[in-house]
């Protein structure tokens, strides 16, 4: 069974480049570009790991155990102003 991995990246081409390599390594990959996308992915299925890479902040890798609420709070913090705007909606 493939391990679930959520990749959150505001640059769409990065996820598209990573996906084949991660799938070859045995991950079932879900891509998200925004906090809203990440929340939807988390609601569908809690991943084993999350890779959040944002252009100006670098990469953050999160592994279980984590709760969806703590994870979305962390992603909102990484996304900065864009995450705060989405959190309000």
PDB file of N, CA and C in Angstrom:
ATOM      1  N   UNK A   1       0.839  -1.182   0.000  1.00  0.00           N
ATOM      2  CA  UNK A   1       0.000   0.000   0.000  1.00  0.00           C
ATOM      3  C   UNK A   1       0.885   1.247   0.000  1.00  0.00           C
ATOM      4  N   UNK A   2       0.566   2.184  -0.874  1.00  0.00           N
ATOM      5  CA  UNK A   2       1.356   3.416  -0.983  1.00  0.00           C
ATOM      6  C   UNK A   2       1.135   4.292   0.243  1.00  0.00           C
ATOM      7  N   UNK A   3       2.174   4.989   0.631  1.00  0.00           N
ATOM      8  CA  UNK A   3       2.086   5.942   1.732  1.00  0.00           C
ATOM      9  C   UNK A   3       1.574   7.266   1.180  1.00  0.00           C
ATOM     10  N   UNK A   4       0.647   7.888   1.889  1.00  0.00           N
ATOM     11  CA  UNK A   4       0.071   9.162   1.428  1.00  0.00           C
ATOM     12  C   UNK A   4       1.008  10.318   1.742  1.00  0.00           C
ATOM     13  N   UNK A   5       1.186  11.175   0.748  1.00  0.00           N
ATOM     14  CA  UNK A   5       2.039  12.356   0.892  1.00  0.00           C
ATOM     15  C   UNK A   5       1.307  13.554   0.293  1.00  0.00           C
ATOM     16  N   UNK A   6       1.194  14.610   1.080  1.00  0.00           N
ATOM     17  CA  UNK A   6       0.610  15.858   0.602  1.00  0.00           C
ATOM     18  C   UNK A   6       1.744  16.825   0.335  1.00  0.00           C
ATOM     19  N   UNK A   7       1.823  17.339  -0.892  1.00  0.00           N
ATOM     20  CA  UNK A   7       2.828  18.332  -1.269  1.00  0.00           C
ATOM     21  C   UNK A   7       2.119  19.667  -1.425  1.00  0.00           C
ATOM     22  N   UNK A   8       2.506  20.637  -0.590  1.00  0.00           N
ATOM     23  CA  UNK A   8       1.930  21.977  -0.652  1.00  0.00           C
ATOM     24  C   UNK A   8       3.002  22.906  -1.191  1.00  0.00           C
ATOM     25  N   UNK A   9       2.755  23.460  -2.361  1.00  0.00           N
ATOM     26  CA  UNK A   9       3.740  24.324  -3.003  1.00  0.00           C
ATOM     27  C   UNK A   9       3.016  25.362  -3.836  1.00  0.00           C
ATOM     28  N   UNK A  10       3.395  26.610  -3.673  1.00  0.00           N
ATOM     29  CA  UNK A  10       2.735  27.677  -4.420  1.00  0.00           C
ATOM     30  C   UNK A  10       3.212  27.779  -5.861  1.00  0.00           C
ATOM     31  N   UNK A  11       4.205  27.007  -6.235  1.00  0.00           N
ATOM     32  CA  UNK A  11       4.697  26.952  -7.617  1.00  0.00           C
ATOM     33  C   UNK A  11       4.234  25.631  -8.236  1.00  0.00           C
ATOM     34  N   UNK A  12       3.239  25.649  -9.131  1.00  0.00           N
ATOM     35  CA  UNK A  12       2.658  24.404  -9.629  1.00  0.00           C
ATOM     36  C   UNK A  12       3.630  23.482 -10.340  1.00  0.00           C
ATOM     37  N   UNK A  13       4.617  24.020 -11.025  1.00  0.00           N
ATOM     38  CA  UNK A  13       5.540  23.155 -11.770  1.00  0.00           C
ATOM     39  C   UNK A  13       6.411  22.312 -10.840  1.00  0.00           C
ATOM     40  N   UNK A  14       6.664  22.773  -9.630  1.00  0.00           N
ATOM     41  CA  UNK A  14       7.476  22.001  -8.685  1.00  0.00           C
ATOM     42  C   UNK A  14       6.763  20.697  -8.330  1.00  0.00           C
ATOM     43  N   UNK A  15       5.500  20.793  -7.993  1.00  0.00           N
ATOM     44  CA  UNK A  15       4.734  19.593  -7.669  1.00  0.00           C
ATOM     45  C   UNK A  15       4.669  18.624  -8.836  1.00  0.00           C
ATOM     46  N   UNK A  16       4.491  19.170 -10.032  1.00  0.00           N
ATOM     47  CA  UNK A  16       4.426  18.311 -11.214  1.00  0.00           C
ATOM     48  C   UNK A  16       5.760  17.627 -11.488  1.00  0.00           C
ATOM     49  N   UNK A  17       6.860  18.296 -11.165  1.00  0.00           N
ATOM     50  CA  UNK A  17       8.176  17.678 -11.324  1.00  0.00           C
ATOM     51  C   UNK A  17       8.449  16.627 -10.243  1.00  0.00           C
ATOM     52  N   UNK A  18       7.999  16.899  -9.028  1.00  0.00           N
ATOM     53  CA  UNK A  18       8.239  15.982  -7.914  1.00  0.00           C
ATOM     54  C   UNK A  18       7.368  14.728  -7.960  1.00  0.00           C
ATOM     55  N   UNK A  19       6.124  14.891  -8.416  1.00  0.00           N
ATOM     56  CA  UNK A  19       5.162  13.792  -8.350  1.00  0.00           C
ATOM     57  C   UNK A  19       5.677  12.467  -8.918  1.00  0.00           C
ATOM     58  N   UNK A  20       6.214  12.413 -10.142  1.00  0.00           N
ATOM     59  CA  UNK A  20       6.654  11.115 -10.677  1.00  0.00           C
ATOM     60  C   UNK A  20       7.747  10.459  -9.819  1.00  0.00           C
ATOM     61  N   UNK A  21       8.660  11.252  -9.319  1.00  0.00           N
ATOM     62  CA  UNK A  21       9.740  10.700  -8.495  1.00  0.00           C
ATOM     63  C   UNK A  21       9.212  10.192  -7.161  1.00  0.00           C
ATOM     64  N   UNK A  22       8.296  10.935  -6.565  1.00  0.00           N
ATOM     65  CA  UNK A  22       7.722  10.522  -5.285  1.00  0.00           C
ATOM     66  C   UNK A  22       6.848   9.279  -5.452  1.00  0.00           C
ATOM     67  N   UNK A  23       6.099   9.229  -6.549  1.00  0.00           N
ATOM     68  CA  UNK A  23       5.290   8.038  -6.813  1.00  0.00           C
ATOM     69  C   UNK A  23       6.183   6.821  -7.059  1.00  0.00           C
ATOM     70  N   UNK A  24       7.296   7.020  -7.743  1.00  0.00           N
ATOM     71  CA  UNK A  24       8.242   5.918  -7.963  1.00  0.00           C
ATOM     72  C   UNK A  24       8.845   5.429  -6.646  1.00  0.00           C
ATOM     73  N   UNK A  25       8.902   6.329  -5.654  1.00  0.00           N
ATOM     74  CA  UNK A  25       9.429   5.970  -4.335  1.00  0.00           C
ATOM     75  C   UNK A  25       8.351   5.346  -3.446  1.00  0.00           C
ATOM     76  N   UNK A  26       7.143   5.168  -3.989  1.00  0.00           N
ATOM     77  CA  UNK A  26       6.094   4.480  -3.249  1.00  0.00           C
ATOM     78  C   UNK A  26       5.077   5.355  -2.555  1.00  0.00           C
ATOM     79  N   UNK A  27       5.033   6.648  -2.900  1.00  0.00           N
ATOM     80  CA  UNK A  27       4.070   7.547  -2.282  1.00  0.00           C
ATOM     81  C   UNK A  27       2.857   7.748  -3.179  1.00  0.00           C
ATOM     82  N   UNK A  28       1.694   7.871  -2.561  1.00  0.00           N
ATOM     83  CA  UNK A  28       0.475   8.304  -3.229  1.00  0.00           C
ATOM     84  C   UNK A  28       0.432   9.814  -3.010  1.00  0.00           C
ATOM     85  N   UNK A  29       0.688  10.599  -4.054  1.00  0.00           N
ATOM     86  CA  UNK A  29       0.931  12.034  -3.940  1.00  0.00           C
ATOM     87  C   UNK A  29      -0.321  12.849  -4.256  1.00  0.00           C
ATOM     88  N   UNK A  30      -0.609  13.800  -3.372  1.00  0.00           N
ATOM     89  CA  UNK A  30      -1.647  14.793  -3.601  1.00  0.00           C
ATOM     90  C   UNK A  30      -0.967  16.152  -3.623  1.00  0.00           C
ATOM     91  N   UNK A  31      -1.293  16.972  -4.618  1.00  0.00           N
ATOM     92  CA  UNK A  31      -0.702  18.296  -4.751  1.00  0.00           C
ATOM     93  C   UNK A  31      -1.693  19.365  -4.303  1.00  0.00           C
ATOM     94  N   UNK A  32      -1.186  20.379  -3.603  1.00  0.00           N
ATOM     95  CA  UNK A  32      -1.995  21.517  -3.192  1.00  0.00           C
ATOM     96  C   UNK A  32      -1.189  22.785  -3.394  1.00  0.00           C
ATOM     97  N   UNK A  33      -1.827  23.827  -3.955  1.00  0.00           N
ATOM     98  CA  UNK A  33      -1.141  25.102  -4.188  1.00  0.00           C
ATOM     99  C   UNK A  33      -1.484  26.141  -3.143  1.00  0.00           C
ATOM    100  N   UNK A  34      -2.613  25.982  -2.464  1.00  0.00           N
ATOM    101  CA  UNK A  34      -3.078  26.976  -1.503  1.00  0.00           C
ATOM    102  C   UNK A  34      -3.492  26.290  -0.208  1.00  0.00           C
ATOM    103  N   UNK A  35      -3.728  27.092   0.805  1.00  0.00           N
ATOM    104  CA  UNK A  35      -4.221  26.556   2.068  1.00  0.00           C
ATOM    105  C   UNK A  35      -5.583  25.899   1.877  1.00  0.00           C
ATOM    106  N   UNK A  36      -6.417  26.498   1.056  1.00  0.00           N
ATOM    107  CA  UNK A  36      -7.734  25.909   0.788  1.00  0.00           C
ATOM    108  C   UNK A  36      -7.591  24.534   0.130  1.00  0.00           C
ATOM    109  N   UNK A  37      -6.669  24.413  -0.829  1.00  0.00           N
ATOM    110  CA  UNK A  37      -6.406  23.122  -1.469  1.00  0.00           C
ATOM    111  C   UNK A  37      -5.904  22.103  -0.453  1.00  0.00           C
ATOM    112  N   UNK A  38      -5.012  22.543   0.439  1.00  0.00           N
ATOM    113  CA  UNK A  38      -4.454  21.652   1.462  1.00  0.00           C
ATOM    114  C   UNK A  38      -5.551  21.193   2.415  1.00  0.00           C
ATOM    115  N   UNK A  39      -6.433  22.103   2.817  1.00  0.00           N
ATOM    116  CA  UNK A  39      -7.534  21.727   3.709  1.00  0.00           C
ATOM    117  C   UNK A  39      -8.436  20.687   3.047  1.00  0.00           C
ATOM    118  N   UNK A  40      -8.744  20.883   1.785  1.00  0.00           N
ATOM    119  CA  UNK A  40      -9.589  19.925   1.070  1.00  0.00           C
ATOM    120  C   UNK A  40      -8.922  18.560   1.001  1.00  0.00           C
ATOM    121  N   UNK A  41      -7.621  18.544   0.744  1.00  0.00           N
ATOM    122  CA  UNK A  41      -6.886  17.278   0.689  1.00  0.00           C
ATOM    123  C   UNK A  41      -6.877  16.596   2.052  1.00  0.00           C
ATOM    124  N   UNK A  42      -6.712  17.373   3.120  1.00  0.00           N
ATOM    125  CA  UNK A  42      -6.712  16.808   4.472  1.00  0.00           C
ATOM    126  C   UNK A  42      -8.086  16.269   4.841  1.00  0.00           C
ATOM    127  N   UNK A  43      -9.144  16.921   4.377  1.00  0.00           N
ATOM    128  CA  UNK A  43     -10.495  16.454   4.658  1.00  0.00           C
ATOM    129  C   UNK A  43     -10.774  15.130   3.948  1.00  0.00           C
ATOM    130  N   UNK A  44     -10.172  14.955   2.776  1.00  0.00           N
ATOM    131  CA  UNK A  44     -10.378  13.734   1.994  1.00  0.00           C
ATOM    132  C   UNK A  44      -9.640  12.548   2.608  1.00  0.00           C
ATOM    133  N   UNK A  45      -8.413  12.755   3.043  1.00  0.00           N
ATOM    134  CA  UNK A  45      -7.607  11.667   3.617  1.00  0.00           C
ATOM    135  C   UNK A  45      -6.389  12.260   4.304  1.00  0.00           C
ATOM    136  N   UNK A  46      -6.183  11.903   5.555  1.00  0.00           N
ATOM    137  CA  UNK A  46      -5.032  12.402   6.301  1.00  0.00           C
ATOM    138  C   UNK A  46      -3.770  11.710   5.781  1.00  0.00           C
ATOM    139  N   UNK A  47      -2.789  12.482   5.297  1.00  0.00           N
ATOM    140  CA  UNK A  47      -1.568  11.870   4.747  1.00  0.00           C
ATOM    141  C   UNK A  47      -0.631  11.403   5.856  1.00  0.00           C
ATOM    142  N   UNK A  48       0.303  10.564   5.461  1.00  0.00           N
ATOM    143  CA  UNK A  48       1.353  10.129   6.381  1.00  0.00           C
ATOM    144  C   UNK A  48       2.380  11.232   6.579  1.00  0.00           C
ATOM    145  N   UNK A  49       2.641  11.975   5.501  1.00  0.00           N
ATOM    146  CA  UNK A  49       3.621  13.059   5.533  1.00  0.00           C
ATOM    147  C   UNK A  49       3.124  14.241   4.716  1.00  0.00           C
ATOM    148  N   UNK A  50       3.651  15.414   5.079  1.00  0.00           N
ATOM    149  CA  UNK A  50       3.346  16.633   4.336  1.00  0.00           C
ATOM    150  C   UNK A  50       4.659  17.312   4.003  1.00  0.00           C
ATOM    151  N   UNK A  51       4.830  17.666   2.755  1.00  0.00           N
ATOM    152  CA  UNK A  51       5.975  18.457   2.321  1.00  0.00           C
ATOM    153  C   UNK A  51       5.430  19.814   1.903  1.00  0.00           C
ATOM    154  N   UNK A  52       5.785  20.833   2.662  1.00  0.00           N
ATOM    155  CA  UNK A  52       5.343  22.193   2.343  1.00  0.00           C
ATOM    156  C   UNK A  52       6.567  22.973   1.906  1.00  0.00           C
ATOM    157  N   UNK A  53       6.567  23.418   0.662  1.00  0.00           N
ATOM    158  CA  UNK A  53       7.704  24.174   0.128  1.00  0.00           C
ATOM    159  C   UNK A  53       7.167  25.459  -0.451  1.00  0.00           C
ATOM    160  N   UNK A  54       7.608  26.547   0.114  1.00  0.00           N
ATOM    161  CA  UNK A  54       7.174  27.854  -0.362  1.00  0.00           C
ATOM    162  C   UNK A  54       8.401  28.647  -0.757  1.00  0.00           C
ATOM    163  N   UNK A  55       8.322  29.271  -1.889  1.00  0.00           N
ATOM    164  CA  UNK A  55       9.477  29.889  -2.544  1.00  0.00           C
ATOM    165  C   UNK A  55      10.375  30.680  -1.604  1.00  0.00           C
ATOM    166  N   UNK A  56       9.823  31.538  -0.794  1.00  0.00           N
ATOM    167  CA  UNK A  56      10.679  32.400   0.024  1.00  0.00           C
ATOM    168  C   UNK A  56      11.013  31.820   1.392  1.00  0.00           C
ATOM    169  N   UNK A  57      10.411  30.683   1.748  1.00  0.00           N
ATOM    170  CA  UNK A  57      10.600  30.143   3.088  1.00  0.00           C
ATOM    171  C   UNK A  57      11.370  28.830   3.144  1.00  0.00           C
ATOM    172  N   UNK A  58      11.536  28.160   2.018  1.00  0.00           N
ATOM    173  CA  UNK A  58      12.204  26.866   2.045  1.00  0.00           C
ATOM    174  C   UNK A  58      11.214  25.752   2.330  1.00  0.00           C
ATOM    175  N   UNK A  59      11.732  24.585   2.652  1.00  0.00           N
ATOM    176  CA  UNK A  59      10.896  23.400   2.806  1.00  0.00           C
ATOM    177  C   UNK A  59      10.637  23.078   4.269  1.00  0.00           C
ATOM    178  N   UNK A  60       9.492  22.501   4.508  1.00  0.00           N
ATOM    179  CA  UNK A  60       9.108  22.030   5.825  1.00  0.00           C
ATOM    180  C   UNK A  60       8.498  20.652   5.632  1.00  0.00           C
ATOM    181  N   UNK A  61       9.018  19.652   6.335  1.00  0.00           N
ATOM    182  CA  UNK A  61       8.483  18.302   6.231  1.00  0.00           C
ATOM    183  C   UNK A  61       7.828  17.953   7.556  1.00  0.00           C
ATOM    184  N   UNK A  62       6.575  17.563   7.494  1.00  0.00           N
ATOM    185  CA  UNK A  62       5.831  17.181   8.687  1.00  0.00           C
ATOM    186  C   UNK A  62       5.467  15.713   8.578  1.00  0.00           C
ATOM    187  N   UNK A  63       5.602  14.990   9.669  1.00  0.00           N
ATOM    188  CA  UNK A  63       5.232  13.583   9.676  1.00  0.00           C
ATOM    189  C   UNK A  63       4.243  13.330  10.809  1.00  0.00           C
ATOM    190  N   UNK A  64       3.496  12.249  10.707  1.00  0.00           N
ATOM    191  CA  UNK A  64       2.561  11.881  11.771  1.00  0.00           C
ATOM    192  C   UNK A  64       3.342  11.644  13.053  1.00  0.00           C
ATOM    193  N   UNK A  65       2.758  11.854  14.223  1.00  0.00           N
ATOM    194  CA  UNK A  65       1.364  12.226  14.417  1.00  0.00           C
ATOM    195  C   UNK A  65       1.160  13.729  14.362  1.00  0.00           C
ATOM    196  N   UNK A  66       0.130  14.152  13.681  1.00  0.00           N
ATOM    197  CA  UNK A  66      -0.293  15.545  13.692  1.00  0.00           C
ATOM    198  C   UNK A  66      -1.798  15.577  13.504  1.00  0.00           C
ATOM    199  N   UNK A  67      -2.426  16.593  14.040  1.00  0.00           N
ATOM    200  CA  UNK A  67      -3.869  16.732  13.870  1.00  0.00           C
ATOM    201  C   UNK A  67      -4.123  17.650  12.675  1.00  0.00           C
ATOM    202  N   UNK A  68      -5.235  17.465  11.995  1.00  0.00           N
ATOM    203  CA  UNK A  68      -5.536  18.346  10.863  1.00  0.00           C
ATOM    204  C   UNK A  68      -5.565  19.815  11.257  1.00  0.00           C
ATOM    205  N   UNK A  69      -6.098  20.139  12.447  1.00  0.00           N
ATOM    206  CA  UNK A  69      -6.173  21.552  12.837  1.00  0.00           C
ATOM    207  C   UNK A  69      -4.787  22.143  13.075  1.00  0.00           C
ATOM    208  N   UNK A  70      -3.895  21.389  13.716  1.00  0.00           N
ATOM    209  CA  UNK A  70      -2.532  21.881  13.933  1.00  0.00           C
ATOM    210  C   UNK A  70      -1.778  21.982  12.612  1.00  0.00           C
ATOM    211  N   UNK A  71      -2.036  21.045  11.727  1.00  0.00           N
ATOM    212  CA  UNK A  71      -1.375  21.057  10.427  1.00  0.00           C
ATOM    213  C   UNK A  71      -1.820  22.254   9.605  1.00  0.00           C
ATOM    214  N   UNK A  72      -3.113  22.544   9.555  1.00  0.00           N
ATOM    215  CA  UNK A  72      -3.564  23.693   8.779  1.00  0.00           C
ATOM    216  C   UNK A  72      -3.090  25.000   9.410  1.00  0.00           C
ATOM    217  N   UNK A  73      -2.981  25.040  10.735  1.00  0.00           N
ATOM    218  CA  UNK A  73      -2.441  26.239  11.391  1.00  0.00           C
ATOM    219  C   UNK A  73      -0.985  26.441  10.984  1.00  0.00           C
ATOM    220  N   UNK A  74      -0.217  25.350  10.925  1.00  0.00           N
ATOM    221  CA  UNK A  74       1.180  25.437  10.513  1.00  0.00           C
ATOM    222  C   UNK A  74       1.290  25.893   9.060  1.00  0.00           C
ATOM    223  N   UNK A  75       0.446  25.348   8.197  1.00  0.00           N
ATOM    224  CA  UNK A  75       0.468  25.746   6.790  1.00  0.00           C
ATOM    225  C   UNK A  75       0.065  27.208   6.640  1.00  0.00           C
ATOM    226  N   UNK A  76      -0.920  27.670   7.415  1.00  0.00           N
ATOM    227  CA  UNK A  76      -1.321  29.074   7.359  1.00  0.00           C
ATOM    228  C   UNK A  76      -0.160  29.965   7.783  1.00  0.00           C
ATOM    229  N   UNK A  77       0.593  29.536   8.795  1.00  0.00           N
ATOM    230  CA  UNK A  77       1.764  30.298   9.237  1.00  0.00           C
ATOM    231  C   UNK A  77       2.811  30.355   8.131  1.00  0.00           C
ATOM    232  N   UNK A  78       3.041  29.244   7.440  1.00  0.00           N
ATOM    233  CA  UNK A  78       4.011  29.225   6.349  1.00  0.00           C
ATOM    234  C   UNK A  78       3.567  30.108   5.185  1.00  0.00           C
ATOM    235  N   UNK A  79       2.261  30.111   4.917  1.00  0.00           N
ATOM    236  CA  UNK A  79       1.751  30.876   3.789  1.00  0.00           C
ATOM    237  C   UNK A  79       1.697  32.366   4.068  1.00  0.00           C
ATOM    238  N   UNK A  80       1.832  32.776   5.321  1.00  0.00           N
ATOM    239  CA  UNK A  80       1.872  34.201   5.659  1.00  0.00           C
ATOM    240  C   UNK A  80       0.567  34.884   5.349  1.00  0.00           C
ATOM    241  N   UNK A  81       0.631  36.040   4.698  1.00  0.00           N
ATOM    242  CA  UNK A  81      -0.560  36.839   4.411  1.00  0.00           C
ATOM    243  C   UNK A  81      -1.575  36.085   3.574  1.00  0.00           C
ATOM    244  N   UNK A  82      -1.109  35.305   2.612  1.00  0.00           N
ATOM    245  CA  UNK A  82      -2.031  34.551   1.769  1.00  0.00           C
ATOM    246  C   UNK A  82      -2.800  33.538   2.599  1.00  0.00           C
ATOM    247  N   UNK A  83      -2.129  32.897   3.548  1.00  0.00           N
ATOM    248  CA  UNK A  83      -2.793  31.924   4.423  1.00  0.00           C
ATOM    249  C   UNK A  83      -3.790  32.599   5.336  1.00  0.00           C
ATOM    250  N   UNK A  84      -3.458  33.772   5.856  1.00  0.00           N
ATOM    251  CA  UNK A  84      -4.369  34.497   6.739  1.00  0.00           C
ATOM    252  C   UNK A  84      -5.638  34.880   5.989  1.00  0.00           C
ATOM    253  N   UNK A  85      -5.502  35.289   4.754  1.00  0.00           N
ATOM    254  CA  UNK A  85      -6.664  35.657   3.959  1.00  0.00           C
ATOM    255  C   UNK A  85      -7.566  34.454   3.736  1.00  0.00           C
ATOM    256  N   UNK A  86      -6.979  33.304   3.476  1.00  0.00           N
ATOM    257  CA  UNK A  86      -7.767  32.103   3.243  1.00  0.00           C
ATOM    258  C   UNK A  86      -8.380  31.588   4.530  1.00  0.00           C
ATOM    259  N   UNK A  87      -7.705  31.780   5.658  1.00  0.00           N
ATOM    260  CA  UNK A  87      -8.228  31.314   6.941  1.00  0.00           C
ATOM    261  C   UNK A  87      -9.517  32.051   7.277  1.00  0.00           C
ATOM    262  N   UNK A  88      -9.602  33.314   6.892  1.00  0.00           N
ATOM    263  CA  UNK A  88     -10.765  34.138   7.196  1.00  0.00           C
ATOM    264  C   UNK A  88     -11.986  33.705   6.395  1.00  0.00           C
ATOM    265  N   UNK A  89     -11.776  33.049   5.275  1.00  0.00           N
ATOM    266  CA  UNK A  89     -12.920  32.679   4.419  1.00  0.00           C
ATOM    267  C   UNK A  89     -13.574  31.399   4.871  1.00  0.00           C
TER     268      UNK A  89
END
